[in-house]
Amino acid sequence: MEALTVNGTAIPFPDLPLKWSLNDISSEDSGRDMNGRMEKDEVAKKVTLDCVWSFRSGAETSLLLRTVKPDTFVDLCYPDPMEGAYVTKTFYTGDVTAEMAVDVSGQRSWTTKLTFIEQ
């Protein structure tokens, strides 16, 4: 499977399923009128990608976080189902969590979760 790239640097592909969503951004003037009819002033559509990397080594987790988090905005190249191809767009990341697990042999691994939100 191909990797994702962040600012041109390859990062490991997240676990499947990779959750893609397209979000409508509406103006303050949107909402229901007094007749219950929806008035929607859509100003943009934005993509979000929910990603999880499970049971990865400390080195792999460190590379991921050091690549993704130093900058507020990153150029992410990812597979877009609407486009039917890899595309590059500018994203920021929401909160990031990383949980450590230890197996019976004492080997540590990390599960990292983050959401890329289109600028």
C-alpha atoms as a PDB file:
ATOM      1  CA  MET A   1       0.000   0.000   0.000  1.00  0.00           C
ATOM      2  CA  GLU A   2       1.256   3.481  -0.800  1.00  0.00           C
ATOM      3  CA  ALA A   3       2.195   5.900   1.942  1.00  0.00           C
ATOM      4  CA  LEU A   4       0.690   9.250   2.760  1.00  0.00           C
ATOM      5  CA  THR A   5       3.008  12.222   2.402  1.00  0.00           C
ATOM      6  CA  VAL A   6       3.184  15.265   4.658  1.00  0.00           C
ATOM      7  CA  ASN A   7       5.059  18.209   3.157  1.00  0.00           C
ATOM      8  CA  GLY A   8       6.714  15.714   0.803  1.00  0.00           C
ATOM      9  CA  THR A   9       7.810  13.296   3.567  1.00  0.00           C
ATOM     10  CA  ALA A  10       6.337   9.790   3.476  1.00  0.00           C
ATOM     11  CA  ILE A  11       4.566   8.633   6.618  1.00  0.00           C
ATOM     12  CA  PRO A  12       3.180   5.151   7.251  1.00  0.00           C
ATOM     13  CA  PHE A  13      -0.285   4.532   5.868  1.00  0.00           C
ATOM     14  CA  PRO A  14      -2.819   4.481   8.729  1.00  0.00           C
ATOM     15  CA  ASP A  15      -4.854   1.440   9.658  1.00  0.00           C
ATOM     16  CA  LEU A  16      -7.866   0.642   7.552  1.00  0.00           C
ATOM     17  CA  PRO A  17     -10.495   1.811   7.403  1.00  0.00           C
ATOM     18  CA  LEU A  18      -9.224   5.314   6.708  1.00  0.00           C
ATOM     19  CA  LYS A  19     -12.280   7.443   7.458  1.00  0.00           C
ATOM     20  CA  TRP A  20     -12.865  10.217   4.881  1.00  0.00           C
ATOM     21  CA  SER A  21     -15.695  12.714   5.274  1.00  0.00           C
ATOM     22  CA  LEU A  22     -16.839  15.749   3.318  1.00  0.00           C
ATOM     23  CA  ASN A  23     -18.245  18.523   5.469  1.00  0.00           C
ATOM     24  CA  ASP A  24     -20.496  21.371   4.356  1.00  0.00           C
ATOM     25  CA  ILE A  25     -19.535  24.742   5.808  1.00  0.00           C
ATOM     26  CA  SER A  26     -22.563  27.054   5.941  1.00  0.00           C
ATOM     27  CA  SER A  27     -22.839  30.760   6.696  1.00  0.00           C
ATOM     28  CA  GLU A  28     -24.586  32.209   9.756  1.00  0.00           C
ATOM     29  CA  ASP A  29     -27.568  32.942   7.496  1.00  0.00           C
ATOM     30  CA  SER A  30     -28.295  29.219   7.129  1.00  0.00           C
ATOM     31  CA  GLY A  31     -31.060  27.558   9.096  1.00  0.00           C
ATOM     32  CA  ARG A  32     -34.785  26.956   9.055  1.00  0.00           C
ATOM     33  CA  ASP A  33     -37.185  29.804   8.389  1.00  0.00           C
ATOM     34  CA  MET A  34     -40.516  30.312  10.179  1.00  0.00           C
ATOM     35  CA  ASN A  35     -42.202  27.847   7.756  1.00  0.00           C
ATOM     36  CA  GLY A  36     -39.694  25.124   8.615  1.00  0.00           C
ATOM     37  CA  ARG A  37     -38.018  25.356   5.211  1.00  0.00           C
ATOM     38  CA  MET A  38     -34.246  24.936   5.244  1.00  0.00           C
ATOM     39  CA  GLU A  39     -32.260  27.859   3.878  1.00  0.00           C
ATOM     40  CA  LYS A  40     -28.655  26.907   3.347  1.00  0.00           C
ATOM     41  CA  ASP A  41     -25.924  29.297   2.303  1.00  0.00           C
ATOM     42  CA  GLU A  42     -23.059  26.907   1.712  1.00  0.00           C
ATOM     43  CA  VAL A  43     -19.713  28.691   1.651  1.00  0.00           C
ATOM     44  CA  ALA A  44     -17.357  25.698   1.297  1.00  0.00           C
ATOM     45  CA  LYS A  45     -16.906  21.945   1.436  1.00  0.00           C
ATOM     46  CA  LYS A  46     -13.986  20.603   3.470  1.00  0.00           C
ATOM     47  CA  VAL A  47     -12.478  17.136   3.866  1.00  0.00           C
ATOM     48  CA  THR A  48     -11.573  15.477   7.158  1.00  0.00           C
ATOM     49  CA  LEU A  49      -9.550  12.284   7.518  1.00  0.00           C
ATOM     50  CA  ASP A  50      -9.706  10.304  10.768  1.00  0.00           C
ATOM     51  CA  CYS A  51      -6.534   8.240  11.078  1.00  0.00           C
ATOM     52  CA  VAL A  52      -5.322   5.544  13.462  1.00  0.00           C
ATOM     53  CA  TRP A  53      -1.914   3.885  13.551  1.00  0.00           C
ATOM     54  CA  SER A  54      -2.118   0.848  15.856  1.00  0.00           C
ATOM     55  CA  PHE A  55       0.686  -0.990  17.621  1.00  0.00           C
ATOM     56  CA  ARG A  56       3.555   0.885  15.992  1.00  0.00           C
ATOM     57  CA  SER A  57       7.095   1.066  17.303  1.00  0.00           C
ATOM     58  CA  GLY A  58       8.330   4.036  19.264  1.00  0.00           C
ATOM     59  CA  ALA A  59      10.560   5.062  16.349  1.00  0.00           C
ATOM     60  CA  GLU A  60       7.695   4.903  13.848  1.00  0.00           C
ATOM     61  CA  THR A  61       5.386   6.839  16.193  1.00  0.00           C
ATOM     62  CA  SER A  62       8.043   9.472  16.812  1.00  0.00           C
ATOM     63  CA  LEU A  63       8.620   9.924  13.068  1.00  0.00           C
ATOM     64  CA  LEU A  64       4.882  10.294  12.506  1.00  0.00           C
ATOM     65  CA  LEU A  65       4.426  12.906  15.238  1.00  0.00           C
ATOM     66  CA  ARG A  66       7.576  14.858  14.360  1.00  0.00           C
ATOM     67  CA  THR A  67       6.468  14.998  10.717  1.00  0.00           C
ATOM     68  CA  VAL A  68       2.843  15.961  11.343  1.00  0.00           C
ATOM     69  CA  LYS A  69       2.826  18.272  14.389  1.00  0.00           C
ATOM     70  CA  PRO A  70       5.617  20.875  14.105  1.00  0.00           C
ATOM     71  CA  ASP A  71       3.691  23.094  11.685  1.00  0.00           C
ATOM     72  CA  THR A  72       0.149  24.383  12.064  1.00  0.00           C
ATOM     73  CA  PHE A  73      -0.653  23.581   8.432  1.00  0.00           C
ATOM     74  CA  VAL A  74       0.726  20.749   6.311  1.00  0.00           C
ATOM     75  CA  ASP A  75       0.344  19.680   2.705  1.00  0.00           C
ATOM     76  CA  LEU A  76      -1.090  16.168   2.844  1.00  0.00           C
ATOM     77  CA  CYS A  77      -1.155  13.833  -0.156  1.00  0.00           C
ATOM     78  CA  TYR A  78      -3.831  11.174   0.383  1.00  0.00           C
ATOM     79  CA  PRO A  79      -6.253   8.955  -1.591  1.00  0.00           C
ATOM     80  CA  ASP A  80      -9.476  10.918  -2.151  1.00  0.00           C
ATOM     81  CA  PRO A  81     -12.550   8.802  -2.980  1.00  0.00           C
ATOM     82  CA  MET A  82     -14.379  11.693  -4.637  1.00  0.00           C
ATOM     83  CA  GLU A  83     -11.452  12.437  -6.961  1.00  0.00           C
ATOM     84  CA  GLY A  84     -10.627   8.757  -7.464  1.00  0.00           C
ATOM     85  CA  ALA A  85      -6.914   9.489  -7.099  1.00  0.00           C
ATOM     86  CA  TYR A  86      -4.270  10.763  -4.715  1.00  0.00           C
ATOM     87  CA  VAL A  87      -4.602  14.532  -4.182  1.00  0.00           C
ATOM     88  CA  THR A  88      -2.667  17.106  -2.166  1.00  0.00           C
ATOM     89  CA  LYS A  89      -4.492  19.631   0.012  1.00  0.00           C
ATOM     90  CA  THR A  90      -3.578  21.792   2.994  1.00  0.00           C
ATOM     91  CA  PHE A  91      -4.707  20.452   6.377  1.00  0.00           C
ATOM     92  CA  TYR A  92      -4.247  21.091  10.063  1.00  0.00           C
ATOM     93  CA  THR A  93      -4.532  18.462  12.767  1.00  0.00           C
ATOM     94  CA  GLY A  94      -6.829  18.442  15.725  1.00  0.00           C
ATOM     95  CA  ASP A  95      -5.872  16.894  19.019  1.00  0.00           C
ATOM     96  CA  VAL A  96      -3.531  13.916  18.855  1.00  0.00           C
ATOM     97  CA  THR A  97      -3.575  10.982  21.230  1.00  0.00           C
ATOM     98  CA  ALA A  98      -0.993   8.227  21.642  1.00  0.00           C
ATOM     99  CA  GLU A  99      -1.560   5.228  23.912  1.00  0.00           C
ATOM    100  CA  MET A 100       1.256   2.919  24.890  1.00  0.00           C
ATOM    101  CA  ALA A 101       0.820  -0.824  25.279  1.00  0.00           C
ATOM    102  CA  VAL A 102       3.327  -3.377  26.555  1.00  0.00           C
ATOM    103  CA  ASP A 103       3.154  -7.005  25.445  1.00  0.00           C
ATOM    104  CA  VAL A 104       4.072 -10.004  27.599  1.00  0.00           C
ATOM    105  CA  SER A 105       7.707  -9.825  26.474  1.00  0.00           C
ATOM    106  CA  GLY A 106       7.969  -6.178  27.583  1.00  0.00           C
ATOM    107  CA  GLN A 107       7.937  -4.802  24.028  1.00  0.00           C
ATOM    108  CA  ARG A 108       6.312  -1.359  23.892  1.00  0.00           C
ATOM    109  CA  SER A 109       4.088  -0.181  21.073  1.00  0.00           C
ATOM    110  CA  TRP A 110       1.945   2.880  20.454  1.00  0.00           C
ATOM    111  CA  THR A 111      -1.512   3.504  19.006  1.00  0.00           C
ATOM    112  CA  THR A 112      -1.826   7.042  17.678  1.00  0.00           C
ATOM    113  CA  LYS A 113      -5.046   8.777  16.627  1.00  0.00           C
ATOM    114  CA  LEU A 114      -5.424  12.095  14.829  1.00  0.00           C
ATOM    115  CA  THR A 115      -7.734  13.910  12.478  1.00  0.00           C
ATOM    116  CA  PHE A 116      -6.570  15.904   9.476  1.00  0.00           C
ATOM    117  CA  ILE A 117      -8.947  18.824   8.817  1.00  0.00           C
ATOM    118  CA  GLU A 118      -8.802  20.672   5.512  1.00  0.00           C
ATOM    119  CA  GLN A 119      -7.877  24.352   5.855  1.00  0.00           C
END
